[in-house]
Amino acid sequence: AVNCLDLVLGVQPNNASALLNRGNILLAEGDLENALDAFDHLTQLYPNDEEAWAAQGDVLVKMGRDDDALRAYTEALQRSPGDEGIQRRILELEAAKTAQPDILEDLVGIKGIGKTRAKALIDAGFQTAEDFTKASLKDLMVVKGITRKIAEDLTEHFRASLAEAR
């Protein structure tokens, strides 16, 4: 599909629909850098296209670049003020920034958990030490990137930290 879109873009390099679809396909395939390039190009060519800004924000979130994603979503919202989907994405990003900065730091400090896995866990609803101690290994393993070993380490870490706090 990307090859077909590349053919279209070879003839019509500024085709907004082809650029948007190309970026979305690359995003779905996990090719974040090239998806971001497509959406960057699209927002430069068509700065009033809210879909391009929102798509750019989606890629930036997956890359862990939340501040840049927030800026992209804000651009999208300025062009489409009533868009509830974009408003929700902005609120989720802002909530993640303010809600549990300590849990993010705690998670990143655990072996095998980087910023991406930590964010995925928080986004999945694990936002307090109690959430982790109540969760089953299966609950944790549903989160992308969390293996059985990592789930066991998480549970052990948070049970120990809660026991220490008491």
N, C-alpha and C. Protein backbone atom coordinates (compact mmCIF):
# COMPACT_ATOMS: atom_id res chain seq x y z
N ALA A 1 0.82 -1.20 0.00
CA ALA A 1 0.00 0.00 0.00
C ALA A 1 0.86 1.26 0.00
N VAL A 2 1.97 1.22 0.78
CA VAL A 2 2.86 2.38 0.82
C VAL A 2 3.46 2.61 -0.55
N ASN A 3 3.79 1.52 -1.26
CA ASN A 3 4.37 1.66 -2.60
C ASN A 3 3.41 2.36 -3.55
N CYS A 4 2.12 2.01 -3.47
CA CYS A 4 1.11 2.66 -4.32
C CYS A 4 1.02 4.15 -4.00
N LEU A 5 1.04 4.46 -2.71
CA LEU A 5 0.98 5.87 -2.31
C LEU A 5 2.23 6.61 -2.75
N ASP A 6 3.38 5.93 -2.71
CA ASP A 6 4.62 6.55 -3.18
C ASP A 6 4.54 6.87 -4.67
N LEU A 7 3.87 5.99 -5.44
CA LEU A 7 3.68 6.26 -6.87
C LEU A 7 2.82 7.50 -7.07
N VAL A 8 1.74 7.59 -6.30
CA VAL A 8 0.87 8.78 -6.38
C VAL A 8 1.67 10.03 -6.02
N LEU A 9 2.44 9.94 -4.94
CA LEU A 9 3.22 11.09 -4.48
C LEU A 9 4.34 11.44 -5.46
N GLY A 10 4.79 10.46 -6.24
CA GLY A 10 5.79 10.74 -7.28
C GLY A 10 5.22 11.65 -8.36
N VAL A 11 3.93 11.48 -8.63
CA VAL A 11 3.25 12.30 -9.64
C VAL A 11 2.68 13.57 -9.01
N GLN A 12 2.13 13.43 -7.80
CA GLN A 12 1.52 14.56 -7.08
C GLN A 12 2.14 14.64 -5.68
N PRO A 13 3.32 15.25 -5.57
CA PRO A 13 4.03 15.25 -4.29
C PRO A 13 3.29 15.96 -3.15
N ASN A 14 2.33 16.80 -3.46
CA ASN A 14 1.61 17.54 -2.42
C ASN A 14 0.19 17.02 -2.20
N ASN A 15 -0.07 15.78 -2.59
CA ASN A 15 -1.40 15.19 -2.44
C ASN A 15 -1.64 14.91 -0.95
N ALA A 16 -2.50 15.73 -0.34
CA ALA A 16 -2.74 15.65 1.11
C ALA A 16 -3.27 14.29 1.53
N SER A 17 -4.20 13.76 0.78
CA SER A 17 -4.80 12.47 1.12
C SER A 17 -3.75 11.35 1.08
N ALA A 18 -2.92 11.36 0.05
CA ALA A 18 -1.87 10.33 -0.07
C ALA A 18 -0.86 10.45 1.07
N LEU A 19 -0.48 11.68 1.41
CA LEU A 19 0.47 11.89 2.51
C LEU A 19 -0.11 11.41 3.84
N LEU A 20 -1.38 11.76 4.08
CA LEU A 20 -2.03 11.36 5.33
C LEU A 20 -2.13 9.83 5.42
N ASN A 21 -2.57 9.21 4.33
CA ASN A 21 -2.70 7.75 4.32
C ASN A 21 -1.35 7.06 4.46
N ARG A 22 -0.33 7.60 3.80
CA ARG A 22 1.02 7.04 3.90
C ARG A 22 1.50 7.09 5.36
N GLY A 23 1.31 8.24 5.99
CA GLY A 23 1.70 8.39 7.39
C GLY A 23 0.96 7.43 8.30
N ASN A 24 -0.34 7.27 8.06
CA ASN A 24 -1.15 6.37 8.90
C ASN A 24 -0.73 4.92 8.73
N ILE A 25 -0.40 4.52 7.50
CA ILE A 25 0.06 3.15 7.26
C ILE A 25 1.40 2.92 7.95
N LEU A 26 2.31 3.87 7.80
CA LEU A 26 3.62 3.75 8.45
C LEU A 26 3.47 3.68 9.97
N LEU A 27 2.55 4.49 10.51
CA LEU A 27 2.28 4.46 11.96
C LEU A 27 1.78 3.08 12.38
N ALA A 28 0.84 2.54 11.61
CA ALA A 28 0.28 1.22 11.92
C ALA A 28 1.36 0.13 11.84
N GLU A 29 2.33 0.31 10.95
CA GLU A 29 3.42 -0.66 10.80
C GLU A 29 4.50 -0.47 11.86
N GLY A 30 4.40 0.61 12.64
CA GLY A 30 5.39 0.87 13.68
C GLY A 30 6.61 1.63 13.19
N ASP A 31 6.56 2.14 11.96
CA ASP A 31 7.67 2.93 11.41
C ASP A 31 7.45 4.39 11.81
N LEU A 32 7.74 4.69 13.08
CA LEU A 32 7.40 5.98 13.66
C LEU A 32 8.16 7.14 13.03
N GLU A 33 9.45 6.95 12.75
CA GLU A 33 10.25 8.04 12.18
C GLU A 33 9.70 8.48 10.83
N ASN A 34 9.43 7.51 9.94
CA ASN A 34 8.91 7.86 8.61
C ASN A 34 7.48 8.37 8.68
N ALA A 35 6.69 7.85 9.61
CA ALA A 35 5.33 8.36 9.80
C ALA A 35 5.40 9.82 10.23
N LEU A 36 6.30 10.12 11.17
CA LEU A 36 6.45 11.50 11.64
C LEU A 36 6.90 12.40 10.49
N ASP A 37 7.83 11.92 9.66
CA ASP A 37 8.27 12.71 8.50
C ASP A 37 7.09 13.03 7.59
N ALA A 38 6.22 12.04 7.35
CA ALA A 38 5.06 12.26 6.48
C ALA A 38 4.13 13.31 7.08
N PHE A 39 3.87 13.21 8.38
CA PHE A 39 2.96 14.17 9.01
C PHE A 39 3.60 15.55 9.15
N ASP A 40 4.91 15.60 9.38
CA ASP A 40 5.61 16.90 9.41
C ASP A 40 5.47 17.59 8.06
N HIS A 41 5.71 16.83 7.00
CA HIS A 41 5.60 17.38 5.64
C HIS A 41 4.18 17.88 5.38
N LEU A 42 3.21 17.10 5.82
CA LEU A 42 1.81 17.45 5.62
C LEU A 42 1.43 18.72 6.37
N THR A 43 1.90 18.86 7.62
CA THR A 43 1.56 20.07 8.38
C THR A 43 2.26 21.30 7.81
N GLN A 44 3.42 21.11 7.17
CA GLN A 44 4.08 22.25 6.52
C GLN A 44 3.34 22.67 5.25
N LEU A 45 2.88 21.68 4.47
CA LEU A 45 2.15 21.98 3.24
C LEU A 45 0.75 22.52 3.52
N TYR A 46 0.09 21.93 4.50
CA TYR A 46 -1.30 22.27 4.82
C TYR A 46 -1.42 22.57 6.31
N PRO A 47 -0.95 23.75 6.74
CA PRO A 47 -0.93 24.06 8.18
C PRO A 47 -2.32 24.14 8.81
N ASN A 48 -3.38 24.21 8.03
CA ASN A 48 -4.72 24.27 8.60
C ASN A 48 -5.42 22.92 8.64
N ASP A 49 -4.70 21.85 8.33
CA ASP A 49 -5.28 20.50 8.33
C ASP A 49 -5.20 19.90 9.73
N GLU A 50 -6.33 19.91 10.44
CA GLU A 50 -6.32 19.42 11.82
C GLU A 50 -6.02 17.92 11.90
N GLU A 51 -6.42 17.16 10.88
CA GLU A 51 -6.12 15.72 10.89
C GLU A 51 -4.62 15.47 10.88
N ALA A 52 -3.90 16.28 10.12
CA ALA A 52 -2.44 16.13 10.04
C ALA A 52 -1.80 16.42 11.39
N TRP A 53 -2.27 17.49 12.04
CA TRP A 53 -1.72 17.84 13.36
C TRP A 53 -2.04 16.74 14.38
N ALA A 54 -3.28 16.23 14.36
CA ALA A 54 -3.66 15.18 15.31
C ALA A 54 -2.85 13.91 15.07
N ALA A 55 -2.66 13.56 13.80
CA ALA A 55 -1.87 12.36 13.47
C ALA A 55 -0.42 12.54 13.91
N GLN A 56 0.10 13.74 13.72
CA GLN A 56 1.46 14.03 14.17
C GLN A 56 1.54 13.85 15.70
N GLY A 57 0.53 14.33 16.40
CA GLY A 57 0.48 14.15 17.85
C GLY A 57 0.46 12.69 18.25
N ASP A 58 -0.32 11.87 17.52
CA ASP A 58 -0.40 10.44 17.82
C ASP A 58 0.98 9.77 17.71
N VAL A 59 1.72 10.12 16.65
CA VAL A 59 3.06 9.54 16.47
C VAL A 59 3.98 9.99 17.60
N LEU A 60 3.92 11.27 17.92
CA LEU A 60 4.80 11.80 18.96
C LEU A 60 4.53 11.15 20.32
N VAL A 61 3.26 10.85 20.61
CA VAL A 61 2.93 10.15 21.86
C VAL A 61 3.60 8.78 21.85
N LYS A 62 3.48 8.06 20.73
CA LYS A 62 4.09 6.72 20.65
C LYS A 62 5.60 6.78 20.77
N MET A 63 6.19 7.92 20.40
CA MET A 63 7.64 8.09 20.49
C MET A 63 8.06 8.53 21.90
N GLY A 64 7.06 8.80 22.75
CA GLY A 64 7.37 9.25 24.11
C GLY A 64 7.68 10.73 24.19
N ARG A 65 7.34 11.47 23.15
CA ARG A 65 7.60 12.92 23.10
C ARG A 65 6.31 13.66 23.43
N ASP A 66 5.90 13.55 24.69
CA ASP A 66 4.60 14.07 25.12
C ASP A 66 4.46 15.58 24.97
N ASP A 67 5.51 16.34 25.26
CA ASP A 67 5.41 17.80 25.14
C ASP A 67 5.18 18.20 23.69
N ASP A 68 5.90 17.56 22.77
CA ASP A 68 5.71 17.84 21.35
C ASP A 68 4.32 17.40 20.89
N ALA A 69 3.86 16.27 21.41
CA ALA A 69 2.53 15.78 21.07
C ALA A 69 1.46 16.77 21.54
N LEU A 70 1.65 17.30 22.74
CA LEU A 70 0.71 18.28 23.28
C LEU A 70 0.63 19.51 22.38
N ARG A 71 1.79 19.95 21.89
CA ARG A 71 1.80 21.10 20.96
C ARG A 71 1.05 20.77 19.67
N ALA A 72 1.27 19.57 19.14
CA ALA A 72 0.59 19.17 17.90
C ALA A 72 -0.92 19.09 18.11
N TYR A 73 -1.34 18.49 19.23
CA TYR A 73 -2.77 18.40 19.52
C TYR A 73 -3.38 19.79 19.72
N THR A 74 -2.63 20.70 20.32
CA THR A 74 -3.12 22.06 20.52
C THR A 74 -3.33 22.74 19.17
N GLU A 75 -2.39 22.51 18.24
CA GLU A 75 -2.55 23.05 16.88
C GLU A 75 -3.82 22.48 16.23
N ALA A 76 -4.03 21.18 16.40
CA ALA A 76 -5.22 20.54 15.83
C ALA A 76 -6.49 21.12 16.43
N LEU A 77 -6.48 21.34 17.73
CA LEU A 77 -7.67 21.86 18.42
C LEU A 77 -7.97 23.29 18.00
N GLN A 78 -6.93 24.07 17.73
CA GLN A 78 -7.14 25.45 17.26
C GLN A 78 -7.87 25.45 15.92
N ARG A 79 -7.65 24.43 15.12
CA ARG A 79 -8.26 24.36 13.80
C ARG A 79 -9.64 23.69 13.84
N SER A 80 -9.89 22.94 14.90
CA SER A 80 -11.16 22.24 15.06
C SER A 80 -11.55 22.26 16.54
N PRO A 81 -11.98 23.45 17.03
CA PRO A 81 -12.20 23.66 18.47
C PRO A 81 -13.18 22.70 19.14
N GLY A 82 -14.13 22.17 18.43
CA GLY A 82 -15.12 21.30 19.06
C GLY A 82 -14.76 19.82 19.04
N ASP A 83 -13.60 19.47 18.54
CA ASP A 83 -13.23 18.06 18.38
C ASP A 83 -12.98 17.41 19.75
N GLU A 84 -13.93 16.58 20.18
CA GLU A 84 -13.84 15.96 21.50
C GLU A 84 -12.69 14.95 21.59
N GLY A 85 -12.38 14.28 20.49
CA GLY A 85 -11.28 13.32 20.48
C GLY A 85 -9.96 14.00 20.77
N ILE A 86 -9.73 15.14 20.15
CA ILE A 86 -8.49 15.88 20.37
C ILE A 86 -8.48 16.46 21.79
N GLN A 87 -9.62 16.96 22.24
CA GLN A 87 -9.70 17.49 23.61
C GLN A 87 -9.35 16.39 24.62
N ARG A 88 -9.86 15.18 24.37
CA ARG A 88 -9.61 14.05 25.27
C ARG A 88 -8.11 13.70 25.29
N ARG A 89 -7.49 13.69 24.10
CA ARG A 89 -6.05 13.37 24.04
C ARG A 89 -5.24 14.40 24.83
N ILE A 90 -5.60 15.67 24.70
CA ILE A 90 -4.89 16.73 25.43
C ILE A 90 -5.06 16.52 26.94
N LEU A 91 -6.30 16.27 27.37
CA LEU A 91 -6.56 16.06 28.79
C LEU A 91 -5.79 14.85 29.33
N GLU A 92 -5.74 13.77 28.54
CA GLU A 92 -5.01 12.57 28.97
C GLU A 92 -3.52 12.86 29.13
N LEU A 93 -2.96 13.60 28.18
CA LEU A 93 -1.53 13.94 28.27
C LEU A 93 -1.25 14.83 29.47
N GLU A 94 -2.12 15.83 29.67
CA GLU A 94 -1.93 16.73 30.81
C GLU A 94 -2.08 15.97 32.13
N ALA A 95 -3.05 15.06 32.19
CA ALA A 95 -3.26 14.27 33.40
C ALA A 95 -2.06 13.37 33.67
N ALA A 96 -1.51 12.79 32.64
CA ALA A 96 -0.34 11.91 32.81
C ALA A 96 0.86 12.70 33.32
N LYS A 97 0.97 13.97 32.90
CA LYS A 97 2.09 14.80 33.35
C LYS A 97 1.97 15.16 34.82
N THR A 98 0.75 15.42 35.28
CA THR A 98 0.57 15.91 36.64
C THR A 98 0.17 14.82 37.63
N ALA A 99 -0.49 13.78 37.15
CA ALA A 99 -1.09 12.79 38.05
C ALA A 99 -0.09 12.07 38.93
N GLN A 100 0.85 11.39 38.35
CA GLN A 100 1.74 10.54 39.13
C GLN A 100 3.19 10.65 38.67
N PRO A 101 3.82 11.81 38.84
CA PRO A 101 5.22 11.88 38.41
C PRO A 101 6.10 10.92 39.21
N ASP A 102 5.74 10.67 40.47
CA ASP A 102 6.54 9.77 41.29
C ASP A 102 6.49 8.34 40.78
N ILE A 103 5.31 7.89 40.37
CA ILE A 103 5.18 6.50 39.90
C ILE A 103 5.98 6.31 38.62
N LEU A 104 6.01 7.34 37.76
CA LEU A 104 6.80 7.25 36.52
C LEU A 104 8.28 7.08 36.86
N GLU A 105 8.77 7.90 37.77
CA GLU A 105 10.17 7.80 38.18
C GLU A 105 10.45 6.44 38.82
N ASP A 106 9.53 5.99 39.64
CA ASP A 106 9.67 4.70 40.31
C ASP A 106 9.74 3.57 39.27
N LEU A 107 8.83 3.61 38.31
CA LEU A 107 8.79 2.57 37.28
C LEU A 107 10.06 2.55 36.44
N VAL A 108 10.51 3.73 36.02
CA VAL A 108 11.70 3.82 35.18
C VAL A 108 12.92 3.27 35.91
N GLY A 109 12.91 3.34 37.24
CA GLY A 109 14.02 2.83 38.03
C GLY A 109 14.06 1.32 38.18
N ILE A 110 13.00 0.65 37.74
CA ILE A 110 12.93 -0.81 37.85
C ILE A 110 13.59 -1.43 36.62
N LYS A 111 14.42 -2.45 36.85
CA LYS A 111 15.12 -3.11 35.75
C LYS A 111 14.12 -3.65 34.72
N GLY A 112 14.37 -3.34 33.45
CA GLY A 112 13.51 -3.83 32.37
C GLY A 112 12.38 -2.88 32.01
N ILE A 113 12.23 -1.82 32.78
CA ILE A 113 11.16 -0.85 32.51
C ILE A 113 11.83 0.46 32.09
N GLY A 114 11.59 0.86 30.88
CA GLY A 114 12.06 2.16 30.42
C GLY A 114 10.89 3.12 30.43
N LYS A 115 11.11 4.29 29.85
CA LYS A 115 10.05 5.30 29.83
C LYS A 115 8.83 4.82 29.04
N THR A 116 9.07 4.12 27.92
CA THR A 116 7.96 3.67 27.08
C THR A 116 7.07 2.67 27.82
N ARG A 117 7.69 1.67 28.46
CA ARG A 117 6.90 0.68 29.20
C ARG A 117 6.22 1.33 30.40
N ALA A 118 6.92 2.24 31.06
CA ALA A 118 6.34 2.93 32.21
C ALA A 118 5.09 3.69 31.79
N LYS A 119 5.18 4.42 30.67
CA LYS A 119 4.02 5.17 30.17
C LYS A 119 2.89 4.23 29.79
N ALA A 120 3.23 3.11 29.17
CA ALA A 120 2.20 2.14 28.77
C ALA A 120 1.47 1.60 29.99
N LEU A 121 2.21 1.34 31.05
CA LEU A 121 1.58 0.86 32.29
C LEU A 121 0.67 1.92 32.90
N ILE A 122 1.14 3.15 32.94
CA ILE A 122 0.33 4.24 33.50
C ILE A 122 -0.91 4.45 32.64
N ASP A 123 -0.73 4.44 31.30
CA ASP A 123 -1.87 4.60 30.40
C ASP A 123 -2.88 3.48 30.55
N ALA A 124 -2.41 2.29 30.95
CA ALA A 124 -3.30 1.14 31.14
C ALA A 124 -4.03 1.19 32.49
N GLY A 125 -3.74 2.23 33.28
CA GLY A 125 -4.47 2.42 34.54
C GLY A 125 -3.70 2.07 35.80
N PHE A 126 -2.46 1.66 35.66
CA PHE A 126 -1.63 1.35 36.83
C PHE A 126 -0.93 2.64 37.25
N GLN A 127 -1.54 3.37 38.19
CA GLN A 127 -1.04 4.70 38.52
C GLN A 127 -0.57 4.86 39.96
N THR A 128 -0.76 3.82 40.76
CA THR A 128 -0.29 3.88 42.15
C THR A 128 0.37 2.54 42.49
N ALA A 129 1.14 2.55 43.57
CA ALA A 129 1.76 1.30 44.04
C ALA A 129 0.68 0.27 44.35
N GLU A 130 -0.44 0.74 44.91
CA GLU A 130 -1.55 -0.16 45.23
C GLU A 130 -2.10 -0.84 43.98
N ASP A 131 -2.18 -0.08 42.88
CA ASP A 131 -2.66 -0.67 41.62
C ASP A 131 -1.81 -1.87 41.22
N PHE A 132 -0.50 -1.75 41.42
CA PHE A 132 0.41 -2.83 41.04
C PHE A 132 0.29 -4.03 41.98
N THR A 133 0.09 -3.76 43.26
CA THR A 133 -0.01 -4.89 44.21
C THR A 133 -1.33 -5.64 44.04
N LYS A 134 -2.37 -4.95 43.62
CA LYS A 134 -3.67 -5.59 43.42
C LYS A 134 -3.74 -6.34 42.09
N ALA A 135 -2.90 -5.96 41.13
CA ALA A 135 -2.96 -6.53 39.79
C ALA A 135 -2.44 -7.96 39.76
N SER A 136 -3.07 -8.77 38.93
CA SER A 136 -2.55 -10.12 38.70
C SER A 136 -1.44 -10.02 37.65
N LEU A 137 -0.63 -11.05 37.56
CA LEU A 137 0.41 -11.07 36.53
C LEU A 137 -0.23 -10.95 35.15
N LYS A 138 -1.36 -11.61 34.98
CA LYS A 138 -2.07 -11.57 33.70
C LYS A 138 -2.50 -10.14 33.36
N ASP A 139 -3.00 -9.40 34.36
CA ASP A 139 -3.40 -8.00 34.15
C ASP A 139 -2.22 -7.18 33.64
N LEU A 140 -1.07 -7.39 34.25
CA LEU A 140 0.11 -6.63 33.87
C LEU A 140 0.63 -7.04 32.49
N MET A 141 0.55 -8.34 32.19
CA MET A 141 1.09 -8.85 30.93
C MET A 141 0.26 -8.45 29.72
N VAL A 142 -0.95 -7.94 29.95
CA VAL A 142 -1.77 -7.44 28.85
C VAL A 142 -1.14 -6.18 28.26
N VAL A 143 -0.39 -5.46 29.07
CA VAL A 143 0.24 -4.21 28.64
C VAL A 143 1.39 -4.54 27.69
N LYS A 144 1.43 -3.83 26.58
CA LYS A 144 2.45 -4.07 25.56
C LYS A 144 3.86 -3.95 26.16
N GLY A 145 4.67 -4.98 25.90
CA GLY A 145 6.06 -4.96 26.34
C GLY A 145 6.30 -5.56 27.72
N ILE A 146 5.23 -5.96 28.40
CA ILE A 146 5.39 -6.51 29.75
C ILE A 146 5.37 -8.04 29.68
N THR A 147 6.52 -8.63 29.97
CA THR A 147 6.66 -10.09 29.99
C THR A 147 6.29 -10.61 31.38
N ARG A 148 6.22 -11.91 31.50
CA ARG A 148 5.91 -12.52 32.80
C ARG A 148 6.96 -12.12 33.84
N LYS A 149 8.24 -12.17 33.46
CA LYS A 149 9.33 -11.82 34.38
C LYS A 149 9.20 -10.37 34.84
N ILE A 150 8.93 -9.47 33.91
CA ILE A 150 8.78 -8.05 34.27
C ILE A 150 7.57 -7.87 35.19
N ALA A 151 6.47 -8.56 34.87
CA ALA A 151 5.27 -8.47 35.71
C ALA A 151 5.57 -8.96 37.13
N GLU A 152 6.33 -10.05 37.24
CA GLU A 152 6.71 -10.56 38.56
C GLU A 152 7.59 -9.55 39.30
N ASP A 153 8.54 -8.96 38.58
CA ASP A 153 9.42 -7.95 39.19
C ASP A 153 8.63 -6.73 39.67
N LEU A 154 7.66 -6.31 38.87
CA LEU A 154 6.83 -5.16 39.25
C LEU A 154 6.05 -5.45 40.53
N THR A 155 5.40 -6.59 40.55
CA THR A 155 4.60 -6.97 41.72
C THR A 155 5.48 -7.03 42.96
N GLU A 156 6.63 -7.69 42.83
CA GLU A 156 7.56 -7.82 43.96
C GLU A 156 8.05 -6.45 44.43
N HIS A 157 8.41 -5.59 43.48
CA HIS A 157 8.91 -4.26 43.81
C HIS A 157 7.89 -3.45 44.61
N PHE A 158 6.65 -3.42 44.12
CA PHE A 158 5.65 -2.58 44.78
C PHE A 158 5.15 -3.18 46.08
N ARG A 159 5.12 -4.50 46.20
CA ARG A 159 4.75 -5.11 47.48
C ARG A 159 5.81 -4.78 48.53
N ALA A 160 7.08 -4.85 48.13
CA ALA A 160 8.17 -4.54 49.05
C ALA A 160 8.14 -3.06 49.45
N SER A 161 7.88 -2.18 48.48
CA SER A 161 7.87 -0.74 48.81
C SER A 161 6.70 -0.38 49.71
N LEU A 162 5.55 -1.03 49.53
CA LEU A 162 4.41 -0.78 50.41
C LEU A 162 4.66 -1.34 51.81
N ALA A 163 5.30 -2.51 51.88
CA ALA A 163 5.62 -3.10 53.18
C ALA A 163 6.59 -2.20 53.95
N GLU A 164 7.55 -1.62 53.22
CA GLU A 164 8.51 -0.70 53.82
C GLU A 164 7.82 0.55 54.37
N ALA A 165 6.85 1.05 53.61
CA ALA A 165 6.16 2.29 53.99
C ALA A 165 5.32 2.10 55.25
N ARG A 166 4.91 0.88 55.52
CA ARG A 166 4.07 0.60 56.69
C ARG A 166 4.95 0.39 57.85
